[in-house]
């Protein structure tokens, strides 16, 4: 796998539940984006587009960059909802980190 998913800074969940949340999150990303490789590609494209967006105005982004942002954010939103299915706490306080493996 070219990325690592981790529920960050939250001691609320026992280790087994944390792993289940991370696994569900990954499964939904794969379902939404196609394959683990495509998840990594989509995340990388999102990071690059968001970096450019921060450096320039939104009008300066290409159509492909805008699509990369929307594609990742839709997949990530679906993954969050399903990963935390049944959880009744505040989701905005929970953060799942998707860390890309260094490019070779």
Protein backbone atom coordinates (compact mmCIF):
# COMPACT_ATOMS: atom_id res chain seq x y z
CA UNK A 1 0.00 0.00 0.00
CA UNK A 2 1.27 3.47 -0.85
CA UNK A 3 -0.36 5.22 2.11
CA UNK A 4 -1.11 4.84 5.79
CA UNK A 5 -4.42 5.65 7.47
CA UNK A 6 -4.45 6.52 11.13
CA UNK A 7 -7.03 7.89 13.55
CA UNK A 8 -5.03 10.67 15.19
CA UNK A 9 -4.89 11.96 18.76
CA UNK A 10 -7.96 10.26 20.09
CA UNK A 11 -7.85 8.08 23.16
CA UNK A 12 -11.65 7.72 23.17
CA UNK A 13 -11.54 4.52 21.14
CA UNK A 14 -9.91 1.27 22.22
CA UNK A 15 -7.22 -0.05 19.86
CA UNK A 16 -9.49 -2.66 18.26
CA UNK A 17 -12.16 -0.05 17.48
CA UNK A 18 -9.53 2.36 16.15
CA UNK A 19 -8.32 -0.31 13.74
CA UNK A 20 -11.91 -1.02 12.63
CA UNK A 21 -12.51 2.69 11.95
CA UNK A 22 -9.26 2.93 9.97
CA UNK A 23 -10.10 -0.23 7.99
CA UNK A 24 -13.63 0.99 7.18
CA UNK A 25 -12.24 4.35 6.10
CA UNK A 26 -9.75 2.66 3.79
CA UNK A 27 -12.39 0.34 2.32
CA UNK A 28 -14.67 3.24 1.45
CA UNK A 29 -11.82 5.22 -0.12
CA UNK A 30 -10.98 2.20 -2.27
CA UNK A 31 -14.65 1.74 -3.16
CA UNK A 32 -14.96 5.41 -4.11
CA UNK A 33 -11.64 5.77 -5.94
CA UNK A 34 -11.00 2.33 -7.43
CA UNK A 35 -7.89 0.74 -5.91
CA UNK A 36 -5.22 1.40 -3.27
CA UNK A 37 -3.00 2.84 -6.00
CA UNK A 38 -5.79 5.16 -7.13
CA UNK A 39 -6.38 6.24 -3.52
CA UNK A 40 -2.71 7.24 -3.28
CA UNK A 41 -2.88 9.01 -6.66
CA UNK A 42 -6.04 10.90 -5.66
CA UNK A 43 -4.55 11.93 -2.32
CA UNK A 44 -1.32 13.09 -3.98
CA UNK A 45 -3.29 15.08 -6.59
CA UNK A 46 -5.40 16.64 -3.81
CA UNK A 47 -2.32 17.64 -1.79
CA UNK A 48 -0.72 19.22 -4.85
CA UNK A 49 -3.90 21.05 -5.84
CA UNK A 50 -4.54 22.31 -2.30
CA UNK A 51 -0.95 23.52 -2.07
CA UNK A 52 -1.38 25.47 -5.31
CA UNK A 53 -4.74 26.77 -4.12
CA UNK A 54 -3.10 28.11 -0.95
CA UNK A 55 -0.39 29.80 -3.02
CA UNK A 56 -2.70 31.34 -5.63
CA UNK A 57 -6.27 32.40 -6.07
CA UNK A 58 -8.90 29.78 -6.84
CA UNK A 59 -9.16 31.16 -10.35
CA UNK A 60 -5.59 30.13 -11.06
CA UNK A 61 -6.31 26.44 -10.57
CA UNK A 62 -6.72 24.28 -13.64
CA UNK A 63 -9.88 22.31 -14.22
CA UNK A 64 -7.95 19.10 -13.41
CA UNK A 65 -6.79 20.54 -10.08
CA UNK A 66 -10.31 21.61 -9.17
CA UNK A 67 -11.58 18.14 -10.08
CA UNK A 68 -8.85 16.52 -7.97
CA UNK A 69 -9.95 18.56 -4.96
CA UNK A 70 -13.62 17.69 -5.42
CA UNK A 71 -12.91 14.01 -6.11
CA UNK A 72 -10.80 13.51 -2.98
CA UNK A 73 -13.07 15.54 -0.71
CA UNK A 74 -16.18 13.63 -1.81
CA UNK A 75 -14.47 10.27 -1.26
CA UNK A 76 -13.08 11.42 2.08
CA UNK A 77 -16.50 12.65 3.27
CA UNK A 78 -18.10 9.31 2.40
CA UNK A 79 -15.27 7.45 4.12
CA UNK A 80 -15.66 9.52 7.31
CA UNK A 81 -19.41 8.91 7.46
CA UNK A 82 -19.12 5.17 7.06
CA UNK A 83 -15.98 4.77 9.19
CA UNK A 84 -17.75 6.35 12.16
CA UNK A 85 -21.13 4.76 11.52
CA UNK A 86 -22.94 4.40 14.84
CA UNK A 87 -20.69 6.90 16.64
CA UNK A 88 -22.75 9.54 18.44
CA UNK A 89 -19.99 11.99 19.39
CA UNK A 90 -18.76 15.07 17.56
CA UNK A 91 -17.18 14.00 14.26
CA UNK A 92 -15.52 17.36 13.65
CA UNK A 93 -13.21 16.68 16.60
CA UNK A 94 -11.96 13.42 15.07
CA UNK A 95 -9.14 13.44 12.54
CA UNK A 96 -8.04 10.64 10.25
CA UNK A 97 -4.62 11.15 8.72
CA UNK A 98 -3.85 9.72 5.28
CA UNK A 99 -0.10 9.75 4.92
CA UNK A 100 1.45 9.01 1.55
CA UNK A 101 4.55 6.88 1.25
CA UNK A 102 7.51 8.88 -0.04
CA UNK A 103 7.77 8.91 -3.81
CA UNK A 104 10.52 6.66 -5.16
